[in-house]
């Protein structure tokens, strides 16, 4: 009787530990993966604004006239959102180019070839991961 109870406790603790490790792994992969690519698309932003607008209209019980007037503000928000994303994307691209050039100058010819291949692999991997 005592052995059976002790075995159940040990098995339960091992399962609990395993689940904790699995959850920790999943969360670290989620945190380290960055922003999903689909959230960077203009189509996603448009759908999100449409959803948000419809939800707001229902909550405030907006009349059709108010909805027409408010739609302009949501359209401007979408335009601003897309412009900010494009600007940020351009700045990140420029920063990577600057970093690559500074790094390239410090490398030997053999290291440059390795870096070139690494960059090609990364580009290929990014192309296969895009929806």
N, C-alpha and C. Protein backbone atom coordinates (compact mmCIF):
# COMPACT_ATOMS: atom_id res chain seq x y z
N UNK A 1 0.83 -1.20 0.00
CA UNK A 1 0.00 0.00 0.00
C UNK A 1 0.87 1.26 0.00
N UNK A 2 1.88 1.29 0.88
CA UNK A 2 2.76 2.44 0.95
C UNK A 2 3.58 2.59 -0.32
N UNK A 3 4.02 1.51 -0.89
CA UNK A 3 4.82 1.54 -2.11
C UNK A 3 4.00 2.08 -3.27
N UNK A 4 2.75 1.68 -3.35
CA UNK A 4 1.88 2.15 -4.43
C UNK A 4 1.67 3.66 -4.33
N UNK A 5 1.43 4.18 -3.15
CA UNK A 5 1.23 5.60 -2.94
C UNK A 5 2.51 6.38 -3.28
N UNK A 6 3.64 5.87 -2.84
CA UNK A 6 4.91 6.51 -3.12
C UNK A 6 5.19 6.53 -4.63
N UNK A 7 4.88 5.45 -5.32
CA UNK A 7 5.05 5.38 -6.76
C UNK A 7 4.16 6.40 -7.47
N UNK A 8 2.90 6.53 -7.02
CA UNK A 8 1.98 7.49 -7.62
C UNK A 8 2.49 8.93 -7.42
N UNK A 9 3.01 9.21 -6.26
CA UNK A 9 3.53 10.55 -5.99
C UNK A 9 4.73 10.84 -6.89
N UNK A 10 5.63 9.90 -7.01
CA UNK A 10 6.82 10.09 -7.83
C UNK A 10 6.44 10.27 -9.30
N UNK A 11 5.54 9.44 -9.80
CA UNK A 11 5.09 9.55 -11.19
C UNK A 11 4.42 10.90 -11.41
N UNK A 12 3.59 11.33 -10.47
CA UNK A 12 2.91 12.62 -10.59
C UNK A 12 3.91 13.77 -10.64
N UNK A 13 4.92 13.72 -9.79
CA UNK A 13 5.94 14.76 -9.78
C UNK A 13 6.75 14.78 -11.08
N UNK A 14 7.06 13.61 -11.60
CA UNK A 14 7.81 13.53 -12.86
C UNK A 14 6.97 14.10 -14.00
N UNK A 15 5.69 13.76 -14.03
CA UNK A 15 4.80 14.29 -15.07
C UNK A 15 4.68 15.81 -14.93
N UNK A 16 4.52 16.29 -13.70
CA UNK A 16 4.42 17.73 -13.46
C UNK A 16 5.69 18.44 -13.90
N UNK A 17 6.84 17.86 -13.59
CA UNK A 17 8.12 18.43 -14.01
C UNK A 17 8.21 18.47 -15.53
N UNK A 18 7.82 17.38 -16.17
CA UNK A 18 7.85 17.32 -17.64
C UNK A 18 6.94 18.35 -18.27
N UNK A 19 5.74 18.52 -17.75
CA UNK A 19 4.82 19.52 -18.27
C UNK A 19 5.37 20.94 -18.07
N UNK A 20 5.98 21.16 -16.93
CA UNK A 20 6.60 22.47 -16.67
C UNK A 20 7.71 22.76 -17.67
N UNK A 21 8.53 21.77 -17.93
CA UNK A 21 9.60 21.94 -18.91
C UNK A 21 9.06 22.18 -20.31
N UNK A 22 8.01 21.47 -20.67
CA UNK A 22 7.39 21.64 -21.98
C UNK A 22 6.80 23.05 -22.12
N UNK A 23 6.12 23.51 -21.09
CA UNK A 23 5.55 24.86 -21.12
C UNK A 23 6.65 25.92 -21.18
N UNK A 24 7.71 25.71 -20.43
CA UNK A 24 8.84 26.65 -20.47
C UNK A 24 9.48 26.70 -21.84
N UNK A 25 9.64 25.54 -22.46
CA UNK A 25 10.20 25.50 -23.80
C UNK A 25 9.29 26.23 -24.79
N UNK A 26 8.00 25.97 -24.70
CA UNK A 26 7.05 26.61 -25.62
C UNK A 26 7.05 28.13 -25.44
N UNK A 27 7.09 28.59 -24.23
CA UNK A 27 7.09 30.03 -23.98
C UNK A 27 8.40 30.67 -24.45
N UNK A 28 9.51 30.02 -24.24
CA UNK A 28 10.77 30.60 -24.68
C UNK A 28 10.83 30.65 -26.21
N UNK A 29 10.31 29.65 -26.87
CA UNK A 29 10.28 29.67 -28.33
C UNK A 29 9.37 30.78 -28.82
N UNK A 30 8.28 31.01 -28.13
CA UNK A 30 7.34 32.06 -28.53
C UNK A 30 7.96 33.44 -28.32
N UNK A 31 8.61 33.63 -27.20
CA UNK A 31 9.20 34.93 -26.88
C UNK A 31 10.36 35.24 -27.81
N UNK A 32 11.19 34.25 -28.10
CA UNK A 32 12.38 34.47 -28.90
C UNK A 32 12.11 34.54 -30.40
N UNK A 33 10.92 34.13 -30.82
CA UNK A 33 10.66 34.11 -32.25
C UNK A 33 10.34 35.48 -32.80
N UNK A 34 10.08 36.44 -31.95
CA UNK A 34 9.77 37.79 -32.42
C UNK A 34 8.34 37.90 -32.91
N UNK A 35 8.08 38.97 -33.57
CA UNK A 35 6.74 39.24 -34.07
C UNK A 35 6.46 38.36 -35.29
N UNK A 36 5.33 37.65 -35.28
CA UNK A 36 5.03 36.79 -36.43
C UNK A 36 4.95 37.60 -37.72
N UNK A 37 5.36 36.99 -38.82
CA UNK A 37 5.39 37.69 -40.10
C UNK A 37 4.00 38.15 -40.53
N UNK A 38 2.96 37.36 -40.21
CA UNK A 38 1.63 37.74 -40.67
C UNK A 38 1.15 39.04 -40.04
N UNK A 39 1.70 39.44 -38.90
CA UNK A 39 1.28 40.70 -38.28
C UNK A 39 1.92 41.90 -38.95
N UNK A 40 2.88 41.67 -39.83
CA UNK A 40 3.54 42.77 -40.52
C UNK A 40 2.87 43.08 -41.86
N UNK A 41 1.87 42.33 -42.23
CA UNK A 41 1.25 42.56 -43.53
C UNK A 41 0.17 43.63 -43.45
N UNK A 42 0.00 44.33 -44.56
CA UNK A 42 -1.04 45.36 -44.62
C UNK A 42 -2.43 44.73 -44.57
N UNK A 43 -2.55 43.53 -45.14
CA UNK A 43 -3.84 42.83 -45.11
C UNK A 43 -4.25 42.53 -43.67
N UNK A 44 -3.29 42.07 -42.86
CA UNK A 44 -3.59 41.80 -41.45
C UNK A 44 -4.02 43.07 -40.74
N UNK A 45 -3.32 44.17 -40.99
CA UNK A 45 -3.65 45.44 -40.34
C UNK A 45 -5.04 45.91 -40.73
N UNK A 46 -5.38 45.76 -42.01
CA UNK A 46 -6.71 46.17 -42.47
C UNK A 46 -7.81 45.35 -41.79
N UNK A 47 -7.61 44.03 -41.71
CA UNK A 47 -8.60 43.17 -41.05
C UNK A 47 -8.71 43.50 -39.57
N UNK A 48 -7.56 43.79 -38.94
CA UNK A 48 -7.59 44.12 -37.51
C UNK A 48 -8.35 45.42 -37.27
N UNK A 49 -8.11 46.44 -38.10
CA UNK A 49 -8.81 47.72 -37.96
C UNK A 49 -10.31 47.52 -38.20
N UNK A 50 -10.68 46.74 -39.20
CA UNK A 50 -12.09 46.47 -39.47
C UNK A 50 -12.76 45.81 -38.27
N UNK A 51 -12.07 44.83 -37.69
CA UNK A 51 -12.60 44.14 -36.52
C UNK A 51 -12.76 45.11 -35.35
N UNK A 52 -11.72 45.89 -35.12
CA UNK A 52 -11.75 46.85 -34.02
C UNK A 52 -12.86 47.88 -34.22
N UNK A 53 -13.01 48.38 -35.43
CA UNK A 53 -14.03 49.37 -35.75
C UNK A 53 -15.42 48.78 -35.51
N UNK A 54 -15.67 47.58 -36.02
CA UNK A 54 -16.99 46.96 -35.83
C UNK A 54 -17.28 46.75 -34.35
N UNK A 55 -16.29 46.31 -33.61
CA UNK A 55 -16.46 46.10 -32.17
C UNK A 55 -16.76 47.42 -31.47
N UNK A 56 -16.05 48.47 -31.82
CA UNK A 56 -16.29 49.78 -31.21
C UNK A 56 -17.68 50.31 -31.55
N UNK A 57 -18.11 50.16 -32.80
CA UNK A 57 -19.42 50.65 -33.21
C UNK A 57 -20.54 49.96 -32.44
N UNK A 58 -20.38 48.65 -32.22
CA UNK A 58 -21.39 47.92 -31.45
C UNK A 58 -21.40 48.39 -30.00
N UNK A 59 -20.24 48.55 -29.43
CA UNK A 59 -20.16 48.94 -28.01
C UNK A 59 -20.72 50.33 -27.75
N UNK A 60 -20.48 51.26 -28.67
CA UNK A 60 -20.97 52.63 -28.44
C UNK A 60 -22.34 52.84 -29.06
N UNK A 61 -22.86 51.80 -29.72
CA UNK A 61 -24.17 51.87 -30.36
C UNK A 61 -24.22 53.06 -31.32
N UNK A 62 -23.25 53.10 -32.23
CA UNK A 62 -23.13 54.22 -33.17
C UNK A 62 -24.22 54.16 -34.24
N UNK A 63 -24.74 55.30 -34.55
CA UNK A 63 -25.74 55.41 -35.62
C UNK A 63 -25.02 55.28 -36.96
N UNK A 64 -25.75 54.98 -38.04
CA UNK A 64 -25.09 54.89 -39.36
C UNK A 64 -24.37 56.18 -39.74
N UNK A 65 -24.92 57.32 -39.37
CA UNK A 65 -24.26 58.59 -39.67
C UNK A 65 -22.93 58.71 -38.91
N UNK A 66 -22.96 58.32 -37.63
CA UNK A 66 -21.73 58.35 -36.83
C UNK A 66 -20.70 57.37 -37.39
N UNK A 67 -21.15 56.20 -37.80
CA UNK A 67 -20.25 55.20 -38.35
C UNK A 67 -19.54 55.73 -39.59
N UNK A 68 -20.30 56.39 -40.46
CA UNK A 68 -19.70 56.97 -41.67
C UNK A 68 -18.67 58.03 -41.33
N UNK A 69 -18.99 58.87 -40.34
CA UNK A 69 -18.05 59.92 -39.94
C UNK A 69 -16.82 59.33 -39.25
N UNK A 70 -17.03 58.33 -38.41
CA UNK A 70 -15.92 57.73 -37.66
C UNK A 70 -15.03 56.87 -38.54
N UNK A 71 -15.57 56.34 -39.62
CA UNK A 71 -14.79 55.48 -40.51
C UNK A 71 -13.54 56.22 -41.02
N UNK A 72 -13.66 57.51 -41.26
CA UNK A 72 -12.52 58.30 -41.72
C UNK A 72 -11.38 58.26 -40.71
N UNK A 73 -11.74 58.33 -39.44
CA UNK A 73 -10.71 58.29 -38.40
C UNK A 73 -10.03 56.92 -38.36
N UNK A 74 -10.81 55.84 -38.52
CA UNK A 74 -10.22 54.49 -38.54
C UNK A 74 -9.36 54.30 -39.79
N UNK A 75 -9.79 54.86 -40.92
CA UNK A 75 -8.99 54.78 -42.14
C UNK A 75 -7.65 55.52 -41.96
N UNK A 76 -7.69 56.66 -41.29
CA UNK A 76 -6.46 57.42 -41.02
C UNK A 76 -5.56 56.63 -40.07
N UNK A 77 -6.15 55.95 -39.08
CA UNK A 77 -5.38 55.11 -38.16
C UNK A 77 -4.68 54.00 -38.93
N UNK A 78 -5.40 53.37 -39.85
CA UNK A 78 -4.80 52.30 -40.65
C UNK A 78 -3.66 52.84 -41.50
N UNK A 79 -3.86 53.99 -42.11
CA UNK A 79 -2.83 54.61 -42.93
C UNK A 79 -1.60 54.94 -42.08
N UNK A 80 -1.82 55.53 -40.92
CA UNK A 80 -0.71 55.86 -40.02
C UNK A 80 0.02 54.60 -39.57
N UNK A 81 -0.74 53.57 -39.23
CA UNK A 81 -0.17 52.30 -38.77
C UNK A 81 0.73 51.71 -39.85
N UNK A 82 0.24 51.66 -41.09
CA UNK A 82 1.03 51.10 -42.18
C UNK A 82 2.27 51.95 -42.47
N UNK A 83 2.14 53.27 -42.37
CA UNK A 83 3.29 54.14 -42.60
C UNK A 83 4.36 53.93 -41.53
N UNK A 84 3.93 53.79 -40.30
CA UNK A 84 4.87 53.56 -39.20
C UNK A 84 5.58 52.23 -39.39
N UNK A 85 4.83 51.20 -39.77
CA UNK A 85 5.45 49.90 -40.00
C UNK A 85 6.47 49.96 -41.14
N UNK A 86 6.11 50.64 -42.22
CA UNK A 86 7.02 50.74 -43.36
C UNK A 86 8.29 51.50 -42.98
N UNK A 87 8.12 52.59 -42.23
CA UNK A 87 9.27 53.38 -41.79
C UNK A 87 10.18 52.56 -40.87
N UNK A 88 9.56 51.85 -39.93
CA UNK A 88 10.35 51.03 -39.01
C UNK A 88 11.07 49.92 -39.76
N UNK A 89 10.40 49.30 -40.71
CA UNK A 89 11.01 48.24 -41.50
C UNK A 89 12.21 48.77 -42.29
N UNK A 90 12.05 49.96 -42.87
CA UNK A 90 13.16 50.56 -43.62
C UNK A 90 14.34 50.87 -42.71
N UNK A 91 14.06 51.36 -41.50
CA UNK A 91 15.15 51.67 -40.56
C UNK A 91 15.87 50.41 -40.11
N UNK A 92 15.13 49.34 -39.88
CA UNK A 92 15.75 48.08 -39.47
C UNK A 92 16.61 47.54 -40.61
N UNK A 93 16.09 47.60 -41.83
CA UNK A 93 16.87 47.15 -42.99
C UNK A 93 18.16 47.96 -43.12
N UNK A 94 18.07 49.25 -42.97
CA UNK A 94 19.26 50.12 -43.05
C UNK A 94 20.27 49.78 -41.94
N UNK A 95 19.77 49.52 -40.74
CA UNK A 95 20.65 49.16 -39.63
C UNK A 95 21.38 47.85 -39.91
N UNK A 96 20.67 46.87 -40.48
CA UNK A 96 21.31 45.60 -40.81
C UNK A 96 22.36 45.79 -41.91
N UNK A 97 22.07 46.63 -42.90
CA UNK A 97 23.05 46.89 -43.96
C UNK A 97 24.30 47.55 -43.39
N UNK A 98 24.10 48.53 -42.53
CA UNK A 98 25.23 49.21 -41.91
C UNK A 98 26.06 48.23 -41.08
N UNK A 99 25.39 47.40 -40.30
CA UNK A 99 26.07 46.40 -39.49
C UNK A 99 26.84 45.43 -40.38
N UNK A 100 26.21 44.99 -41.47
CA UNK A 100 26.87 44.04 -42.37
C UNK A 100 28.12 44.63 -42.99
N UNK A 101 28.05 45.90 -43.39
CA UNK A 101 29.21 46.55 -43.99
C UNK A 101 30.35 46.70 -42.98
N UNK A 102 30.00 47.12 -41.76
CA UNK A 102 31.03 47.27 -40.71
C UNK A 102 31.66 45.93 -40.38
N UNK A 103 30.82 44.89 -40.33
CA UNK A 103 31.33 43.56 -40.02
C UNK A 103 32.21 43.05 -41.15
N UNK A 104 31.76 43.25 -42.39
CA UNK A 104 32.46 42.77 -43.57
C UNK A 104 33.89 43.29 -43.63
N UNK A 105 34.07 44.54 -43.26
CA UNK A 105 35.40 45.17 -43.29
C UNK A 105 36.37 44.51 -42.31
N UNK A 106 35.86 43.88 -41.28
CA UNK A 106 36.71 43.28 -40.24
C UNK A 106 37.09 41.82 -40.55
N UNK A 107 36.48 41.24 -41.58
CA UNK A 107 36.65 39.81 -41.81
C UNK A 107 37.75 39.50 -42.81
N UNK A 108 38.30 38.31 -42.67
CA UNK A 108 39.26 37.79 -43.64
C UNK A 108 38.48 37.27 -44.85
N UNK A 109 39.15 37.03 -45.97
CA UNK A 109 38.43 36.50 -47.14
C UNK A 109 37.69 35.18 -46.85
N UNK A 110 38.29 34.32 -46.06
CA UNK A 110 37.63 33.04 -45.72
C UNK A 110 36.39 33.31 -44.86
N UNK A 111 36.52 34.20 -43.90
CA UNK A 111 35.38 34.54 -43.05
C UNK A 111 34.27 35.22 -43.85
N UNK A 112 34.66 36.02 -44.83
CA UNK A 112 33.67 36.67 -45.69
C UNK A 112 32.85 35.64 -46.45
N UNK A 113 33.53 34.62 -46.95
CA UNK A 113 32.81 33.56 -47.68
C UNK A 113 31.83 32.84 -46.76
N UNK A 114 32.27 32.55 -45.53
CA UNK A 114 31.37 31.91 -44.56
C UNK A 114 30.18 32.82 -44.25
N UNK A 115 30.45 34.11 -44.07
CA UNK A 115 29.38 35.06 -43.77
C UNK A 115 28.42 35.18 -44.96
N UNK A 116 28.97 35.21 -46.16
CA UNK A 116 28.12 35.29 -47.35
C UNK A 116 27.19 34.08 -47.43
N UNK A 117 27.73 32.89 -47.17
CA UNK A 117 26.92 31.66 -47.19
C UNK A 117 25.88 31.68 -46.07
N UNK A 118 26.27 32.16 -44.90
CA UNK A 118 25.34 32.27 -43.78
C UNK A 118 24.17 33.19 -44.13
N UNK A 119 24.47 34.32 -44.74
CA UNK A 119 23.43 35.25 -45.13
C UNK A 119 22.51 34.66 -46.20
N UNK A 120 23.09 33.90 -47.14
CA UNK A 120 22.27 33.23 -48.15
C UNK A 120 21.33 32.21 -47.50
N UNK A 121 21.86 31.45 -46.54
CA UNK A 121 21.04 30.47 -45.83
C UNK A 121 19.90 31.14 -45.07
N UNK A 122 20.21 32.25 -44.43
CA UNK A 122 19.17 32.99 -43.68
C UNK A 122 18.09 33.52 -44.62
N UNK A 123 18.51 34.05 -45.75
CA UNK A 123 17.56 34.55 -46.73
C UNK A 123 16.66 33.44 -47.25
N UNK A 124 17.26 32.31 -47.55
CA UNK A 124 16.48 31.16 -48.02
C UNK A 124 15.51 30.68 -46.95
N UNK A 125 15.95 30.63 -45.72
CA UNK A 125 15.10 30.19 -44.62
C UNK A 125 13.93 31.16 -44.43
N UNK A 126 14.19 32.46 -44.55
CA UNK A 126 13.13 33.45 -44.40
C UNK A 126 12.10 33.33 -45.51
N UNK A 127 12.57 33.04 -46.73
CA UNK A 127 11.65 32.87 -47.85
C UNK A 127 10.75 31.67 -47.66
N UNK A 128 11.27 30.59 -47.09
CA UNK A 128 10.45 29.40 -46.89
C UNK A 128 9.50 29.54 -45.73
N UNK A 129 9.76 30.46 -44.79
CA UNK A 129 8.89 30.63 -43.63
C UNK A 129 7.76 31.62 -43.87
N UNK A 130 7.85 32.42 -44.92
CA UNK A 130 6.80 33.40 -45.18
C UNK A 130 5.57 32.69 -45.72
N UNK A 131 4.38 33.16 -45.25
CA UNK A 131 3.14 32.50 -45.68
C UNK A 131 2.81 32.77 -47.14
